[in-house]
């Protein structure tokens, strides 16, 4: 179907410029064209690491490197990021508003930014200079990059794995978050998918707090993959302070640790043990000391 549409556009132009008089693509009924197979590509953690390392070691524009990382961490659409403006970004609050004119659903959508993404936006701000656009196009402060610019940049890279598309990044995030126990409704809201059926009528929840925590967890998780760490934690009661544990682990996994993930208010467990498994025995040594 996509090939037929491209051929049709070529002949439409040829007819407009009086090079030909008929468009053969129009004569091919769509019922004779096979439907495109739905993609199911999901990157494994190992592939996420390879993807990001390949992107950052490439010679594509720095803005594109950051954009391809941001899309993975925010689950946002490529078009939303390409059209984003600084007036809709609040780095202090960690929020990015996608206005209805830029949203696929034609409804405004609030994207919550992890600490990792906030830092990337800060770098994009410096690169954008005086432009109102987050990603001003080549040679222009007022026009965004072409809609297929990120696709072309990604297609120009050589990955030692199966091919991927930008949309596969959203699917990857949604799948791994689901596999790690996050609520599917929260994930759907983060993806800015419209609810259907009875849910569309009766459920209007924004899941703001859950989305913030989920995307911060996702940012930390991807960080741990890229940095080659395998740090897991489980709660077993034996009296180790969470704040102390976080200070030990934070520099190792290079990701911010939020004590609220485990406790709403109190930051110590009077009868608990925080047991960690890590490639680095230093973690256990320090916790036992």
C-alpha atoms as a PDB file:
ATOM      1  CA  UNK A   1       0.000   0.000   0.000  1.00  0.00           C
ATOM      2  CA  UNK A   2       2.805   2.437   0.848  1.00  0.00           C
ATOM      3  CA  UNK A   3       4.596   1.717  -2.443  1.00  0.00           C
ATOM      4  CA  UNK A   4       1.371   2.238  -4.373  1.00  0.00           C
ATOM      5  CA  UNK A   5       0.848   5.591  -2.670  1.00  0.00           C
ATOM      6  CA  UNK A   6       4.375   6.723  -3.526  1.00  0.00           C
ATOM      7  CA  UNK A   7       3.929   5.738  -7.176  1.00  0.00           C
ATOM      8  CA  UNK A   8       0.572   7.520  -7.250  1.00  0.00           C
ATOM      9  CA  UNK A   9       2.162  10.729  -5.939  1.00  0.00           C
ATOM     10  CA  UNK A  10       4.929  10.525  -8.564  1.00  0.00           C
ATOM     11  CA  UNK A  11       2.438  10.169 -11.394  1.00  0.00           C
ATOM     12  CA  UNK A  12       0.203  12.885  -9.916  1.00  0.00           C
ATOM     13  CA  UNK A  13       3.158  15.231 -10.182  1.00  0.00           C
ATOM     14  CA  UNK A  14       3.939  13.995 -13.701  1.00  0.00           C
ATOM     15  CA  UNK A  15       0.360  14.696 -14.774  1.00  0.00           C
ATOM     16  CA  UNK A  16       0.490  18.144 -13.154  1.00  0.00           C
ATOM     17  CA  UNK A  17       3.643  18.970 -15.138  1.00  0.00           C
ATOM     18  CA  UNK A  18       2.132  17.473 -18.320  1.00  0.00           C
ATOM     19  CA  UNK A  19       4.745  14.726 -18.610  1.00  0.00           C
ATOM     20  CA  UNK A  20       2.084  11.984 -18.734  1.00  0.00           C
ATOM     21  CA  UNK A  21      -1.681  11.878 -19.121  1.00  0.00           C
ATOM     22  CA  UNK A  22      -2.709   8.917 -16.956  1.00  0.00           C
ATOM     23  CA  UNK A  23      -1.865   7.604 -13.507  1.00  0.00           C
ATOM     24  CA  UNK A  24      -1.562   3.780 -13.583  1.00  0.00           C
ATOM     25  CA  UNK A  25      -1.479   3.552  -9.771  1.00  0.00           C
ATOM     26  CA  UNK A  26      -5.059   4.811  -9.589  1.00  0.00           C
ATOM     27  CA  UNK A  27      -6.147   1.834 -11.686  1.00  0.00           C
ATOM     28  CA  UNK A  28      -4.935  -0.624  -9.042  1.00  0.00           C
ATOM     29  CA  UNK A  29      -7.811  -1.224  -6.631  1.00  0.00           C
ATOM     30  CA  UNK A  30      -6.793  -1.233  -2.981  1.00  0.00           C
ATOM     31  CA  UNK A  31      -8.557  -4.566  -2.453  1.00  0.00           C
ATOM     32  CA  UNK A  32      -5.820  -6.209  -4.536  1.00  0.00           C
ATOM     33  CA  UNK A  33      -3.094  -4.819  -2.304  1.00  0.00           C
ATOM     34  CA  UNK A  34      -2.057  -6.808   0.728  1.00  0.00           C
ATOM     35  CA  UNK A  35      -2.430  -5.116   4.086  1.00  0.00           C
ATOM     36  CA  UNK A  36       0.732  -4.078   5.886  1.00  0.00           C
ATOM     37  CA  UNK A  37       1.702  -6.481   8.615  1.00  0.00           C
ATOM     38  CA  UNK A  38       1.463  -4.983  12.089  1.00  0.00           C
ATOM     39  CA  UNK A  39       4.909  -4.537  13.613  1.00  0.00           C
ATOM     40  CA  UNK A  40       5.739  -6.294  16.854  1.00  0.00           C
ATOM     41  CA  UNK A  41       9.408  -5.340  17.272  1.00  0.00           C
ATOM     42  CA  UNK A  42      10.398  -4.945  20.914  1.00  0.00           C
ATOM     43  CA  UNK A  43      14.004  -4.288  21.914  1.00  0.00           C
ATOM     44  CA  UNK A  44      15.494  -6.467  24.623  1.00  0.00           C
ATOM     45  CA  UNK A  45      17.494  -4.783  27.403  1.00  0.00           C
ATOM     46  CA  UNK A  46      20.689  -5.821  25.620  1.00  0.00           C
ATOM     47  CA  UNK A  47      19.398  -4.250  22.393  1.00  0.00           C
ATOM     48  CA  UNK A  48      18.457  -1.033  24.205  1.00  0.00           C
ATOM     49  CA  UNK A  49      22.056  -0.766  25.368  1.00  0.00           C
ATOM     50  CA  UNK A  50      23.340  -1.407  21.842  1.00  0.00           C
ATOM     51  CA  UNK A  51      20.835   1.042  20.369  1.00  0.00           C
ATOM     52  CA  UNK A  52      21.856   3.938  22.608  1.00  0.00           C
ATOM     53  CA  UNK A  53      25.574   3.262  22.369  1.00  0.00           C
ATOM     54  CA  UNK A  54      25.363   3.128  18.580  1.00  0.00           C
ATOM     55  CA  UNK A  55      23.356   6.355  18.464  1.00  0.00           C
ATOM     56  CA  UNK A  56      25.760   8.281  20.698  1.00  0.00           C
ATOM     57  CA  UNK A  57      28.881   6.931  18.971  1.00  0.00           C
ATOM     58  CA  UNK A  58      27.565   7.914  15.545  1.00  0.00           C
ATOM     59  CA  UNK A  59      28.230  11.171  13.691  1.00  0.00           C
ATOM     60  CA  UNK A  60      24.606  12.313  13.439  1.00  0.00           C
ATOM     61  CA  UNK A  61      23.614  15.688  14.879  1.00  0.00           C
ATOM     62  CA  UNK A  62      23.766  15.996  18.647  1.00  0.00           C
ATOM     63  CA  UNK A  63      20.121  17.135  18.637  1.00  0.00           C
ATOM     64  CA  UNK A  64      19.122  13.904  16.898  1.00  0.00           C
ATOM     65  CA  UNK A  65      21.047  11.777  19.392  1.00  0.00           C
ATOM     66  CA  UNK A  66      19.227  13.431  22.277  1.00  0.00           C
ATOM     67  CA  UNK A  67      15.876  13.269  20.487  1.00  0.00           C
ATOM     68  CA  UNK A  68      16.201   9.532  19.804  1.00  0.00           C
ATOM     69  CA  UNK A  69      16.995   9.022  23.499  1.00  0.00           C
ATOM     70  CA  UNK A  70      14.164  11.268  24.703  1.00  0.00           C
ATOM     71  CA  UNK A  71      11.568   9.429  22.619  1.00  0.00           C
ATOM     72  CA  UNK A  72      12.602   6.158  24.270  1.00  0.00           C
ATOM     73  CA  UNK A  73      12.430   7.605  27.799  1.00  0.00           C
ATOM     74  CA  UNK A  74       9.224   9.649  27.443  1.00  0.00           C
ATOM     75  CA  UNK A  75       7.262   7.269  25.164  1.00  0.00           C
ATOM     76  CA  UNK A  76       6.343  10.355  23.151  1.00  0.00           C
ATOM     77  CA  UNK A  77       5.683  10.506  19.429  1.00  0.00           C
ATOM     78  CA  UNK A  78       8.368  11.709  17.053  1.00  0.00           C
ATOM     79  CA  UNK A  79       6.133  14.422  15.595  1.00  0.00           C
ATOM     80  CA  UNK A  80       5.332  15.789  19.052  1.00  0.00           C
ATOM     81  CA  UNK A  81       8.999  16.286  19.842  1.00  0.00           C
ATOM     82  CA  UNK A  82       9.883  17.788  16.452  1.00  0.00           C
ATOM     83  CA  UNK A  83       7.157  20.422  16.888  1.00  0.00           C
ATOM     84  CA  UNK A  84       7.769  21.100  20.602  1.00  0.00           C
ATOM     85  CA  UNK A  85       8.290  24.705  21.714  1.00  0.00           C
ATOM     86  CA  UNK A  86      10.040  25.986  24.811  1.00  0.00           C
ATOM     87  CA  UNK A  87       6.946  27.844  26.018  1.00  0.00           C
ATOM     88  CA  UNK A  88       5.370  24.430  26.604  1.00  0.00           C
ATOM     89  CA  UNK A  89       8.344  23.016  28.544  1.00  0.00           C
ATOM     90  CA  UNK A  90       8.734  23.565  32.295  1.00  0.00           C
ATOM     91  CA  UNK A  91      12.065  22.108  33.335  1.00  0.00           C
ATOM     92  CA  UNK A  92      11.675  23.112  36.977  1.00  0.00           C
ATOM     93  CA  UNK A  93       8.424  21.174  37.245  1.00  0.00           C
ATOM     94  CA  UNK A  94       9.664  18.423  34.925  1.00  0.00           C
ATOM     95  CA  UNK A  95       6.732  18.788  32.539  1.00  0.00           C
ATOM     96  CA  UNK A  96       6.267  19.144  28.796  1.00  0.00           C
ATOM     97  CA  UNK A  97       2.856  20.025  27.406  1.00  0.00           C
ATOM     98  CA  UNK A  98       1.969  18.708  23.957  1.00  0.00           C
ATOM     99  CA  UNK A  99      -0.700  21.146  22.693  1.00  0.00           C
ATOM    100  CA  UNK A 100      -3.735  19.788  20.906  1.00  0.00           C
ATOM    101  CA  UNK A 101      -2.532  21.049  17.508  1.00  0.00           C
ATOM    102  CA  UNK A 102       0.589  18.851  17.811  1.00  0.00           C
ATOM    103  CA  UNK A 103      -1.118  15.821  19.376  1.00  0.00           C
ATOM    104  CA  UNK A 104      -2.273  12.868  17.309  1.00  0.00           C
ATOM    105  CA  UNK A 105      -5.410  12.669  19.439  1.00  0.00           C
ATOM    106  CA  UNK A 106      -6.118  16.408  18.940  1.00  0.00           C
ATOM    107  CA  UNK A 107      -6.166  16.729  22.728  1.00  0.00           C
ATOM    108  CA  UNK A 108      -3.491  18.339  24.936  1.00  0.00           C
ATOM    109  CA  UNK A 109      -1.212  15.835  26.621  1.00  0.00           C
ATOM    110  CA  UNK A 110       1.163  16.386  29.539  1.00  0.00           C
ATOM    111  CA  UNK A 111       4.457  14.474  29.427  1.00  0.00           C
ATOM    112  CA  UNK A 112       6.277  14.049  32.740  1.00  0.00           C
ATOM    113  CA  UNK A 113      10.045  14.285  32.456  1.00  0.00           C
ATOM    114  CA  UNK A 114      12.448  12.107  34.421  1.00  0.00           C
ATOM    115  CA  UNK A 115      15.604  13.711  35.785  1.00  0.00           C
ATOM    116  CA  UNK A 116      17.512  12.180  32.873  1.00  0.00           C
ATOM    117  CA  UNK A 117      15.202  13.779  30.298  1.00  0.00           C
ATOM    118  CA  UNK A 118      15.315  17.154  32.060  1.00  0.00           C
ATOM    119  CA  UNK A 119      19.096  17.177  31.599  1.00  0.00           C
ATOM    120  CA  UNK A 120      18.691  16.317  27.913  1.00  0.00           C
ATOM    121  CA  UNK A 121      16.213  19.162  27.465  1.00  0.00           C
ATOM    122  CA  UNK A 122      18.663  21.533  29.153  1.00  0.00           C
ATOM    123  CA  UNK A 123      21.283  20.573  26.587  1.00  0.00           C
ATOM    124  CA  UNK A 124      18.776  21.007  23.762  1.00  0.00           C
ATOM    125  CA  UNK A 125      17.985  24.466  25.156  1.00  0.00           C
ATOM    126  CA  UNK A 126      21.639  25.449  24.861  1.00  0.00           C
ATOM    127  CA  UNK A 127      21.817  24.036  21.328  1.00  0.00           C
ATOM    128  CA  UNK A 128      18.602  25.812  20.285  1.00  0.00           C
ATOM    129  CA  UNK A 129      19.949  29.234  21.203  1.00  0.00           C
ATOM    130  CA  UNK A 130      17.260  31.905  20.821  1.00  0.00           C
ATOM    131  CA  UNK A 131      14.846  29.658  18.938  1.00  0.00           C
ATOM    132  CA  UNK A 132      11.344  29.085  20.270  1.00  0.00           C
ATOM    133  CA  UNK A 133      11.586  25.529  18.981  1.00  0.00           C
ATOM    134  CA  UNK A 134      13.097  22.725  21.017  1.00  0.00           C
ATOM    135  CA  UNK A 135      14.569  21.315  17.789  1.00  0.00           C
ATOM    136  CA  UNK A 136      15.021  24.167  15.317  1.00  0.00           C
ATOM    137  CA  UNK A 137      15.705  22.946  11.797  1.00  0.00           C
ATOM    138  CA  UNK A 138      18.932  23.140   9.861  1.00  0.00           C
ATOM    139  CA  UNK A 139      19.879  26.750   9.161  1.00  0.00           C
ATOM    140  CA  UNK A 140      16.665  28.141  10.644  1.00  0.00           C
ATOM    141  CA  UNK A 141      15.589  29.198  14.119  1.00  0.00           C
ATOM    142  CA  UNK A 142      11.914  29.425  13.154  1.00  0.00           C
ATOM    143  CA  UNK A 143      11.290  26.207  11.235  1.00  0.00           C
ATOM    144  CA  UNK A 144      11.465  22.659  12.620  1.00  0.00           C
ATOM    145  CA  UNK A 145      13.294  19.780  11.011  1.00  0.00           C
ATOM    146  CA  UNK A 146      11.469  17.860   8.282  1.00  0.00           C
ATOM    147  CA  UNK A 147       8.997  15.270   9.531  1.00  0.00           C
ATOM    148  CA  UNK A 148      11.218  12.412   8.319  1.00  0.00           C
ATOM    149  CA  UNK A 149      14.526  13.868   9.567  1.00  0.00           C
ATOM    150  CA  UNK A 150      14.797  11.551  12.579  1.00  0.00           C
ATOM    151  CA  UNK A 151      13.784   8.553  10.483  1.00  0.00           C
ATOM    152  CA  UNK A 152      16.553   9.320   7.988  1.00  0.00           C
ATOM    153  CA  UNK A 153      19.082   9.743  10.784  1.00  0.00           C
ATOM    154  CA  UNK A 154      18.110   6.379  12.295  1.00  0.00           C
ATOM    155  CA  UNK A 155      18.109   4.629   8.913  1.00  0.00           C
ATOM    156  CA  UNK A 156      21.657   5.845   8.313  1.00  0.00           C
ATOM    157  CA  UNK A 157      22.986   3.997  11.372  1.00  0.00           C
ATOM    158  CA  UNK A 158      24.276   0.432  11.335  1.00  0.00           C
ATOM    159  CA  UNK A 159      23.093  -1.681  14.254  1.00  0.00           C
ATOM    160  CA  UNK A 160      24.365  -5.167  15.037  1.00  0.00           C
ATOM    161  CA  UNK A 161      20.789  -6.394  15.503  1.00  0.00           C
ATOM    162  CA  UNK A 162      17.466  -6.611  13.675  1.00  0.00           C
ATOM    163  CA  UNK A 163      16.248  -3.364  12.081  1.00  0.00           C
ATOM    164  CA  UNK A 164      14.101  -1.024  14.145  1.00  0.00           C
ATOM    165  CA  UNK A 165      11.927   2.037  13.662  1.00  0.00           C
ATOM    166  CA  UNK A 166      11.329   5.018  15.913  1.00  0.00           C
ATOM    167  CA  UNK A 167       7.848   3.764  16.761  1.00  0.00           C
ATOM    168  CA  UNK A 168       9.414   0.532  18.045  1.00  0.00           C
ATOM    169  CA  UNK A 169      10.857   2.602  20.907  1.00  0.00           C
ATOM    170  CA  UNK A 170       7.366   3.394  22.225  1.00  0.00           C
ATOM    171  CA  UNK A 171       6.364  -0.253  21.924  1.00  0.00           C
ATOM    172  CA  UNK A 172       9.538  -1.318  23.711  1.00  0.00           C
ATOM    173  CA  UNK A 173       8.912   1.021  26.634  1.00  0.00           C
ATOM    174  CA  UNK A 174       5.276   0.002  26.968  1.00  0.00           C
ATOM    175  CA  UNK A 175       6.129  -3.707  26.826  1.00  0.00           C
ATOM    176  CA  UNK A 176       8.963  -3.631  29.364  1.00  0.00           C
ATOM    177  CA  UNK A 177       6.955  -1.452  31.739  1.00  0.00           C
ATOM    178  CA  UNK A 178       4.079  -3.938  31.528  1.00  0.00           C
ATOM    179  CA  UNK A 179       6.443  -6.848  32.160  1.00  0.00           C
ATOM    180  CA  UNK A 180       7.759  -5.035  35.243  1.00  0.00           C
ATOM    181  CA  UNK A 181       4.302  -4.786  36.767  1.00  0.00           C
ATOM    182  CA  UNK A 182       3.172  -1.246  35.955  1.00  0.00           C
ATOM    183  CA  UNK A 183      -0.537  -0.593  35.533  1.00  0.00           C
ATOM    184  CA  UNK A 184      -1.640  -0.867  31.906  1.00  0.00           C
ATOM    185  CA  UNK A 185      -3.984   2.121  32.212  1.00  0.00           C
ATOM    186  CA  UNK A 186      -1.092   4.270  33.444  1.00  0.00           C
ATOM    187  CA  UNK A 187       1.054   3.100  30.526  1.00  0.00           C
ATOM    188  CA  UNK A 188      -1.736   3.828  28.036  1.00  0.00           C
ATOM    189  CA  UNK A 189      -2.092   7.333  29.461  1.00  0.00           C
ATOM    190  CA  UNK A 190       1.659   7.907  29.184  1.00  0.00           C
ATOM    191  CA  UNK A 191       1.454   6.805  25.538  1.00  0.00           C
ATOM    192  CA  UNK A 192      -1.367   9.321  24.994  1.00  0.00           C
ATOM    193  CA  UNK A 193      -3.664   6.619  23.667  1.00  0.00           C
ATOM    194  CA  UNK A 194      -7.337   7.462  23.586  1.00  0.00           C
ATOM    195  CA  UNK A 195      -9.573   5.301  25.733  1.00  0.00           C
ATOM    196  CA  UNK A 196     -12.336   3.437  23.941  1.00  0.00           C
ATOM    197  CA  UNK A 197     -15.645   1.882  24.876  1.00  0.00           C
ATOM    198  CA  UNK A 198     -16.869   2.083  28.450  1.00  0.00           C
ATOM    199  CA  UNK A 199     -13.499   3.365  29.672  1.00  0.00           C
ATOM    200  CA  UNK A 200     -13.771   6.459  27.496  1.00  0.00           C
ATOM    201  CA  UNK A 201     -17.101   7.302  29.123  1.00  0.00           C
ATOM    202  CA  UNK A 202     -16.433   6.608  32.776  1.00  0.00           C
ATOM    203  CA  UNK A 203     -12.668   6.695  33.352  1.00  0.00           C
ATOM    204  CA  UNK A 204     -11.097  10.140  32.987  1.00  0.00           C
ATOM    205  CA  UNK A 205      -8.163   9.655  35.371  1.00  0.00           C
ATOM    206  CA  UNK A 206      -4.853  11.324  34.508  1.00  0.00           C
ATOM    207  CA  UNK A 207      -2.707   9.095  36.771  1.00  0.00           C
ATOM    208  CA  UNK A 208      -0.310  12.023  37.175  1.00  0.00           C
ATOM    209  CA  UNK A 209       1.573  10.780  40.241  1.00  0.00           C
ATOM    210  CA  UNK A 210       1.780   7.218  38.924  1.00  0.00           C
ATOM    211  CA  UNK A 211       3.073   8.401  35.554  1.00  0.00           C
ATOM    212  CA  UNK A 212       5.782  10.527  37.173  1.00  0.00           C
ATOM    213  CA  UNK A 213       7.041   7.623  39.260  1.00  0.00           C
ATOM    214  CA  UNK A 214       6.792   5.174  36.377  1.00  0.00           C
ATOM    215  CA  UNK A 215       8.768   7.337  33.931  1.00  0.00           C
ATOM    216  CA  UNK A 216      11.417   8.050  36.560  1.00  0.00           C
ATOM    217  CA  UNK A 217      11.717   4.316  37.173  1.00  0.00           C
ATOM    218  CA  UNK A 218      12.000   3.793  33.419  1.00  0.00           C
ATOM    219  CA  UNK A 219      14.739   6.425  33.154  1.00  0.00           C
ATOM    220  CA  UNK A 220      16.674   4.767  35.967  1.00  0.00           C
ATOM    221  CA  UNK A 221      16.139   1.323  34.448  1.00  0.00           C
ATOM    222  CA  UNK A 222      17.462   2.355  31.038  1.00  0.00           C
ATOM    223  CA  UNK A 223      20.413   4.065  32.753  1.00  0.00           C
ATOM    224  CA  UNK A 224      21.273   0.828  34.556  1.00  0.00           C
ATOM    225  CA  UNK A 225      21.156  -1.080  31.259  1.00  0.00           C
ATOM    226  CA  UNK A 226      23.420   1.386  29.447  1.00  0.00           C
ATOM    227  CA  UNK A 227      25.920   1.533  32.284  1.00  0.00           C
ATOM    228  CA  UNK A 228      26.199  -2.258  32.379  1.00  0.00           C
ATOM    229  CA  UNK A 229      24.910  -2.639  35.914  1.00  0.00           C
ATOM    230  CA  UNK A 230      22.615  -5.325  37.224  1.00  0.00           C
ATOM    231  CA  UNK A 231      21.293  -3.965  40.483  1.00  0.00           C
ATOM    232  CA  UNK A 232      18.118  -5.351  41.951  1.00  0.00           C
ATOM    233  CA  UNK A 233      16.555  -4.725  45.301  1.00  0.00           C
ATOM    234  CA  UNK A 234      14.095  -6.575  47.464  1.00  0.00           C
ATOM    235  CA  UNK A 235      12.593  -5.666  50.810  1.00  0.00           C
ATOM    236  CA  UNK A 236      13.323  -8.075  53.621  1.00  0.00           C
ATOM    237  CA  UNK A 237      12.920  -6.680  57.125  1.00  0.00           C
ATOM    238  CA  UNK A 238      16.149  -6.266  59.153  1.00  0.00           C
ATOM    239  CA  UNK A 239      16.763  -2.574  59.924  1.00  0.00           C
ATOM    240  CA  UNK A 240      18.728  -0.959  57.078  1.00  0.00           C
ATOM    241  CA  UNK A 241      17.940   2.724  56.439  1.00  0.00           C
ATOM    242  CA  UNK A 242      16.692   3.397  52.925  1.00  0.00           C
ATOM    243  CA  UNK A 243      18.389   6.780  52.735  1.00  0.00           C
ATOM    244  CA  UNK A 244      21.739   5.210  53.659  1.00  0.00           C
ATOM    245  CA  UNK A 245      21.211   2.430  51.140  1.00  0.00           C
ATOM    246  CA  UNK A 246      20.306   4.922  48.435  1.00  0.00           C
ATOM    247  CA  UNK A 247      23.507   6.906  49.044  1.00  0.00           C
ATOM    248  CA  UNK A 248      25.560   3.758  48.580  1.00  0.00           C
ATOM    249  CA  UNK A 249      23.806   2.534  45.457  1.00  0.00           C
ATOM    250  CA  UNK A 250      23.222   5.871  43.740  1.00  0.00           C
ATOM    251  CA  UNK A 251      26.788   6.433  42.483  1.00  0.00           C
ATOM    252  CA  UNK A 252      27.011   2.830  41.336  1.00  0.00           C
ATOM    253  CA  UNK A 253      23.923   2.721  39.129  1.00  0.00           C
ATOM    254  CA  UNK A 254      24.289   6.426  38.240  1.00  0.00           C
ATOM    255  CA  UNK A 255      20.603   6.994  38.655  1.00  0.00           C
ATOM    256  CA  UNK A 256      18.623   8.877  41.245  1.00  0.00           C
ATOM    257  CA  UNK A 257      16.995   6.826  43.916  1.00  0.00           C
ATOM    258  CA  UNK A 258      13.669   7.898  45.367  1.00  0.00           C
ATOM    259  CA  UNK A 259      12.903   6.607  48.835  1.00  0.00           C
ATOM    260  CA  UNK A 260       9.211   7.213  48.180  1.00  0.00           C
ATOM    261  CA  UNK A 261       9.295   4.214  45.866  1.00  0.00           C
ATOM    262  CA  UNK A 262       9.302   2.038  48.941  1.00  0.00           C
ATOM    263  CA  UNK A 263       7.876   4.194  51.747  1.00  0.00           C
ATOM    264  CA  UNK A 264       5.407   7.055  51.571  1.00  0.00           C
ATOM    265  CA  UNK A 265       6.709   9.004  54.574  1.00  0.00           C
ATOM    266  CA  UNK A 266       9.213   7.307  56.869  1.00  0.00           C
ATOM    267  CA  UNK A 267      12.635   6.837  55.284  1.00  0.00           C
ATOM    268  CA  UNK A 268      13.882   4.126  57.624  1.00  0.00           C
ATOM    269  CA  UNK A 269      12.747   0.586  58.321  1.00  0.00           C
ATOM    270  CA  UNK A 270      12.894  -0.192  62.002  1.00  0.00           C
ATOM    271  CA  UNK A 271      12.481  -3.892  61.315  1.00  0.00           C
ATOM    272  CA  UNK A 272      13.609  -4.326  57.806  1.00  0.00           C
ATOM    273  CA  UNK A 273      16.404  -5.486  55.618  1.00  0.00           C
ATOM    274  CA  UNK A 274      17.170  -4.166  52.185  1.00  0.00           C
ATOM    275  CA  UNK A 275      18.905  -7.023  50.364  1.00  0.00           C
ATOM    276  CA  UNK A 276      20.682  -6.227  47.150  1.00  0.00           C
ATOM    277  CA  UNK A 277      22.124  -8.389  44.429  1.00  0.00           C
ATOM    278  CA  UNK A 278      24.736  -6.687  42.329  1.00  0.00           C
ATOM    279  CA  UNK A 279      27.683  -7.415  40.134  1.00  0.00           C
ATOM    280  CA  UNK A 280      29.657  -5.351  42.557  1.00  0.00           C
ATOM    281  CA  UNK A 281      30.284  -7.007  45.900  1.00  0.00           C
ATOM    282  CA  UNK A 282      31.063  -3.521  47.244  1.00  0.00           C
ATOM    283  CA  UNK A 283      27.350  -2.927  47.784  1.00  0.00           C
ATOM    284  CA  UNK A 284      26.921  -5.803  50.194  1.00  0.00           C
ATOM    285  CA  UNK A 285      30.210  -5.008  51.947  1.00  0.00           C
ATOM    286  CA  UNK A 286      29.151  -1.443  52.675  1.00  0.00           C
ATOM    287  CA  UNK A 287      25.678  -2.453  53.809  1.00  0.00           C
ATOM    288  CA  UNK A 288      27.138  -4.960  56.268  1.00  0.00           C
ATOM    289  CA  UNK A 289      29.657  -2.466  57.688  1.00  0.00           C
END
